[in-house]
Amino acid sequence: MDAQTKVPLVEMKDISLAFGGLKAVDHASIDLYPGEVVGLLGHNGAGKSCLIKVLSGAYPRDSGQIFINGEEAHIANPRDAKGYGIETIYQTLALADNVDAASNLYLGREIMTRWGTLDDSAMEHEARKVMARLNPNFRRFKDPVTALSGGQRQSVAIARAIHFNARILIMDEPTAALGPAETAQVGELIKQLKSEGIGIFLISHDIHDVFDLADRVTVMKNGRIVGAAPVKDVTKDEVLGMIILGKCPPGATPGPGAVAG
């Protein structure tokens, strides 16, 4: 089935957000389908993080609507977002460095024994199950996550999100500061998530990253959507032109932020 015949997993319509007199997001619309990666590009201050923080519940929108699986969603805070299966994996990963993968998976949601102590074996068993699905080569279950590589740490952060039934992942600069081998590992993780029908918004400054990992790209400039296109229909130079000049190429669908000509 063609993606466009399905109901979008996420549809953000006409979202606006201002801080004082500054319009951080100006009537922006974006969508995401199951098993799809949408890359969101733009300079610092273009509005991409603010738009996505509206979806994650970090910022309340001033106007506009959010639909999840075709039904209007009411997201006023991060807890609401989690209730809709939306999880954010920040660049910092927000992991507790001094404990192992299972403890990170259950941070704040620990499994207890009937005697009121931590059930470490149950948590490790669950961690092994989710990791087998996500990254079968992961073996370092007993090590504190500070001892893991960047790619392995990213695995733990993603495992924590999907273990609690996330269907929509927001990944903020997932390959920042990673070497080529670890970047490839994150690419494999993303392929696995896509195969499970999880939709991913990928926020990045790196065009190469987006071309390697995303199915579609959306560009923002000055709080507005310049345009969106399947990655296969545009070149990196054309996307750079969208980011820098706000110019929409023939292979892209122009947004309200596109300049004429």
Protein backbone atom coordinates (compact mmCIF):
# COMPACT_ATOMS: atom_id res chain seq x y z
CA MET A 1 0.00 0.00 0.00
CA ASP A 2 1.31 3.42 -0.86
CA ALA A 3 2.13 5.47 2.28
CA GLN A 4 -0.09 8.32 1.16
CA THR A 5 -3.20 6.09 1.18
CA LYS A 6 -2.75 5.38 4.89
CA VAL A 7 -3.81 7.58 7.76
CA PRO A 8 -0.82 9.58 9.01
CA LEU A 9 0.60 8.51 12.35
CA VAL A 10 1.06 12.22 13.13
CA GLU A 11 -0.40 15.27 11.47
CA MET A 12 0.47 18.72 12.79
CA LYS A 13 -1.69 21.37 11.14
CA ASP A 14 -1.12 25.11 11.12
CA ILE A 15 0.94 25.15 14.33
CA SER A 16 2.02 28.54 15.68
CA LEU A 17 4.11 29.34 18.73
CA ALA A 18 5.47 32.71 19.85
CA PHE A 19 7.76 33.80 22.67
CA GLY A 20 6.89 37.40 23.43
CA GLY A 21 6.76 39.09 20.03
CA LEU A 22 8.97 36.47 18.34
CA LYS A 23 7.19 33.89 16.19
CA ALA A 24 9.22 30.72 16.73
CA VAL A 25 6.78 28.62 14.65
CA ASP A 26 4.54 30.31 12.10
CA HIS A 27 1.59 28.28 10.73
CA ALA A 28 3.66 25.12 10.23
CA SER A 29 2.17 21.83 9.03
CA ILE A 30 3.98 18.49 8.87
CA ASP A 31 3.00 14.82 8.83
CA LEU A 32 4.54 11.41 9.46
CA TYR A 33 3.42 7.94 8.35
CA PRO A 34 3.98 4.55 10.03
CA GLY A 35 7.42 3.07 9.30
CA GLU A 36 8.68 6.37 7.90
CA VAL A 37 11.56 8.69 8.82
CA VAL A 38 10.96 12.40 8.20
CA GLY A 39 14.08 14.54 8.46
CA LEU A 40 13.56 18.07 9.74
CA LEU A 41 16.27 20.46 8.60
CA GLY A 42 17.02 24.15 9.06
CA HIS A 43 19.51 26.55 10.59
CA ASN A 44 19.64 27.13 14.35
CA GLY A 45 16.59 29.22 15.15
CA ALA A 46 14.68 27.99 12.07
CA GLY A 47 11.93 26.63 14.34
CA LYS A 48 12.44 22.89 13.91
CA SER A 49 13.12 22.12 17.58
CA CYS A 50 10.26 24.37 18.71
CA LEU A 51 7.83 22.64 16.32
CA ILE A 52 8.83 19.21 17.58
CA LYS A 53 8.71 20.36 21.22
CA VAL A 54 5.05 21.20 20.65
CA LEU A 55 4.52 17.55 19.67
CA SER A 56 6.51 16.27 22.67
CA GLY A 57 4.50 18.45 25.06
CA ALA A 58 7.48 20.57 26.12
CA TYR A 59 5.89 23.76 24.67
CA PRO A 60 2.14 24.47 24.56
CA ARG A 61 1.14 25.69 21.08
CA ASP A 62 -0.63 29.02 20.59
CA SER A 63 -2.77 27.69 17.75
CA GLY A 64 -3.13 24.76 15.37
CA GLN A 65 -4.12 21.10 15.74
CA ILE A 66 -2.35 17.79 16.26
CA PHE A 67 -3.84 14.52 15.02
CA ILE A 68 -2.53 11.08 16.03
CA ASN A 69 -3.81 8.22 13.85
CA GLY A 70 -6.42 10.58 12.41
CA GLU A 71 -7.89 11.64 15.77
CA GLU A 72 -7.31 15.02 17.37
CA ALA A 73 -4.78 14.82 20.20
CA HIS A 74 -4.70 17.05 23.25
CA ILE A 75 -1.07 17.47 24.26
CA ALA A 76 -0.40 20.00 27.01
CA ASN A 77 2.66 18.39 28.64
CA PRO A 78 5.17 15.54 28.17
CA ARG A 79 2.96 13.10 30.09
CA ASP A 80 0.15 13.68 27.59
CA ALA A 81 2.60 13.04 24.73
CA LYS A 82 3.76 9.75 26.25
CA GLY A 83 0.09 8.75 26.54
CA TYR A 84 -0.11 9.04 22.74
CA GLY A 85 3.01 6.89 22.31
CA ILE A 86 5.35 9.83 21.63
CA GLU A 87 8.89 9.58 23.03
CA THR A 88 11.83 11.92 22.57
CA ILE A 89 15.45 10.79 22.45
CA TYR A 90 17.52 13.88 23.11
CA GLN A 91 21.07 14.40 21.89
CA THR A 92 22.27 14.00 25.49
CA LEU A 93 20.34 10.65 25.66
CA ALA A 94 19.42 11.43 29.30
CA LEU A 95 20.94 8.18 30.55
CA ALA A 96 22.08 7.48 34.12
CA ASP A 97 25.77 6.81 33.47
CA ASN A 98 26.57 4.90 36.64
CA VAL A 99 24.01 2.08 36.23
CA ASP A 100 23.52 -0.68 33.66
CA ALA A 101 21.23 -0.97 30.64
CA ALA A 102 18.34 -2.64 32.51
CA SER A 103 18.37 0.00 35.26
CA ASN A 104 18.25 2.71 32.58
CA LEU A 105 15.39 0.95 30.81
CA TYR A 106 13.34 1.04 34.00
CA LEU A 107 14.53 4.36 35.41
CA GLY A 108 11.57 5.76 37.34
CA ARG A 109 9.45 2.68 36.50
CA GLU A 110 11.39 -0.01 38.36
CA ILE A 111 10.02 -3.54 38.79
CA MET A 112 9.80 -4.45 42.48
CA THR A 113 9.66 -7.85 44.17
CA ARG A 114 6.79 -8.62 46.55
CA TRP A 115 9.22 -7.81 49.37
CA GLY A 116 9.62 -4.25 48.10
CA THR A 117 13.16 -4.66 46.75
CA LEU A 118 14.33 -4.07 43.17
CA ASP A 119 13.70 -7.10 40.96
CA ASP A 120 17.00 -6.93 39.07
CA SER A 121 16.60 -10.29 37.34
CA ALA A 122 13.13 -9.39 35.96
CA MET A 123 14.43 -6.05 34.69
CA GLU A 124 17.46 -7.68 33.06
CA HIS A 125 15.23 -10.35 31.46
CA GLU A 126 13.02 -7.65 29.92
CA ALA A 127 16.07 -5.63 28.84
CA ARG A 128 17.49 -8.69 27.07
CA LYS A 129 14.17 -9.26 25.26
CA VAL A 130 13.89 -5.71 23.93
CA MET A 131 17.58 -5.58 22.99
CA ALA A 132 17.33 -8.91 21.13
CA ARG A 133 14.68 -7.26 18.97
CA LEU A 134 16.55 -4.02 18.49
CA ASN A 135 20.28 -4.77 18.58
CA PRO A 136 20.93 -8.55 18.75
CA ASN A 137 24.70 -7.98 19.06
CA PHE A 138 24.35 -6.07 22.34
CA ARG A 139 26.04 -8.09 25.12
CA ARG A 140 27.10 -5.60 27.79
CA PHE A 141 24.11 -5.90 30.11
CA LYS A 142 26.13 -5.74 33.34
CA ASP A 143 28.28 -2.71 32.49
CA PRO A 144 27.42 0.83 33.56
CA VAL A 145 26.29 2.73 30.46
CA THR A 146 29.19 5.18 30.86
CA ALA A 147 31.45 2.30 29.69
CA LEU A 148 29.44 1.76 26.47
CA SER A 149 30.18 3.18 23.03
CA GLY A 150 28.05 6.01 21.64
CA GLY A 151 26.15 3.61 19.38
CA GLN A 152 25.46 1.21 22.25
CA ARG A 153 24.26 4.08 24.43
CA GLN A 154 21.91 5.15 21.63
CA SER A 155 20.59 1.54 21.60
CA VAL A 156 19.80 1.75 25.31
CA ALA A 157 17.98 5.10 24.91
CA ILE A 158 15.90 3.76 21.98
CA ALA A 159 15.18 0.49 23.82
CA ARG A 160 13.84 2.48 26.78
CA ALA A 161 11.49 4.42 24.49
CA ILE A 162 10.10 1.47 22.54
CA HIS A 163 9.84 -0.84 25.56
CA PHE A 164 7.08 1.43 26.85
CA ASN A 165 5.21 1.21 23.53
CA ALA A 166 6.33 4.35 21.74
CA ARG A 167 4.94 4.48 18.20
CA ILE A 168 6.34 7.91 17.40
CA LEU A 169 9.98 8.70 18.09
CA ILE A 170 11.58 12.12 18.00
CA MET A 171 15.34 11.77 17.55
CA ASP A 172 17.40 14.89 18.14
CA GLU A 173 20.76 14.78 16.31
CA PRO A 174 21.09 10.99 16.83
CA THR A 175 24.53 10.69 15.21
CA ALA A 176 26.13 13.86 16.62
CA ALA A 177 29.66 13.08 17.89
CA LEU A 178 29.51 9.47 16.65
CA GLY A 179 32.17 7.91 14.42
CA PRO A 180 31.35 6.21 11.08
CA ALA A 181 30.89 2.70 12.54
CA GLU A 182 28.59 3.96 15.31
CA THR A 183 26.64 6.11 12.85
CA ALA A 184 26.09 2.97 10.74
CA GLN A 185 24.88 1.18 13.89
CA VAL A 186 22.31 3.90 14.54
CA GLY A 187 21.22 3.53 10.90
CA GLU A 188 20.59 -0.18 11.55
CA LEU A 189 18.58 0.64 14.68
CA ILE A 190 16.44 3.06 12.67
CA LYS A 191 15.82 0.41 9.97
CA GLN A 192 14.64 -2.01 12.66
CA LEU A 193 12.26 0.58 14.13
CA LYS A 194 10.85 1.35 10.66
CA SER A 195 10.21 -2.36 10.05
CA GLU A 196 8.05 -2.36 13.21
CA GLY A 197 5.93 0.50 11.86
CA ILE A 198 7.37 3.12 14.21
CA GLY A 199 7.46 6.64 12.75
CA ILE A 200 10.49 8.83 13.38
CA PHE A 201 11.03 12.57 13.25
CA LEU A 202 14.76 13.09 12.79
CA ILE A 203 16.03 16.56 13.73
CA SER A 204 19.45 17.18 12.29
CA HIS A 205 21.89 19.80 11.06
CA ASP A 206 23.59 17.17 8.91
CA ILE A 207 22.23 16.88 5.37
CA HIS A 208 24.25 13.68 4.77
CA ASP A 209 22.64 12.11 7.84
CA VAL A 210 19.18 12.97 6.61
CA PHE A 211 19.84 11.67 3.09
CA ASP A 212 21.18 8.40 4.55
CA LEU A 213 18.39 7.84 7.08
CA ALA A 214 15.21 9.69 6.03
CA ASP A 215 12.46 8.90 3.52
CA ARG A 216 11.29 12.51 3.33
CA VAL A 217 12.80 15.84 4.23
CA THR A 218 11.05 18.97 5.49
CA VAL A 219 12.93 22.27 5.66
CA MET A 220 12.13 25.18 7.97
CA LYS A 221 13.36 28.76 7.84
CA ASN A 222 12.33 31.67 10.09
CA GLY A 223 9.67 29.54 11.77
CA ARG A 224 7.96 28.60 8.51
CA ILE A 225 7.94 25.48 6.34
CA VAL A 226 9.90 26.14 3.14
CA GLY A 227 8.94 22.82 1.60
CA ALA A 228 8.91 19.04 1.85
CA ALA A 229 10.05 16.31 -0.54
CA PRO A 230 10.84 12.60 -0.76
CA VAL A 231 14.63 12.37 -0.39
CA LYS A 232 14.85 10.56 -3.75
CA ASP A 233 13.30 13.56 -5.56
CA VAL A 234 15.80 16.23 -4.44
CA THR A 235 19.56 16.69 -4.39
CA LYS A 236 21.65 17.77 -1.41
CA ASP A 237 22.38 21.06 -3.19
CA GLU A 238 18.66 21.70 -3.67
CA VAL A 239 18.02 21.05 0.01
CA LEU A 240 20.87 23.42 0.90
CA GLY A 241 19.14 26.03 -1.26
CA MET A 242 15.96 25.48 0.73
CA ILE A 243 17.81 25.90 4.04
CA ILE A 244 19.86 28.96 3.07
CA LEU A 245 17.70 30.78 0.52
CA GLY A 246 14.22 29.43 1.24
CA LYS A 247 14.02 28.38 -2.41
CA CYS A 248 11.83 25.36 -3.18
CA PRO A 249 13.08 23.06 -6.01
CA PRO A 250 10.82 21.36 -8.58
CA GLY A 251 10.88 18.00 -6.74
CA ALA A 252 9.51 19.50 -3.50
CA THR A 253 6.09 20.65 -2.37
CA PRO A 254 6.40 24.32 -1.40
CA GLY A 255 5.27 25.52 2.02
CA PRO A 256 4.26 29.04 3.13
CA GLY A 257 7.91 29.88 3.86
CA ALA A 258 9.12 29.30 0.28
CA VAL A 259 10.38 32.36 -1.58
CA ALA A 260 9.13 33.04 -5.08
CA GLY A 261 11.37 32.51 -8.08
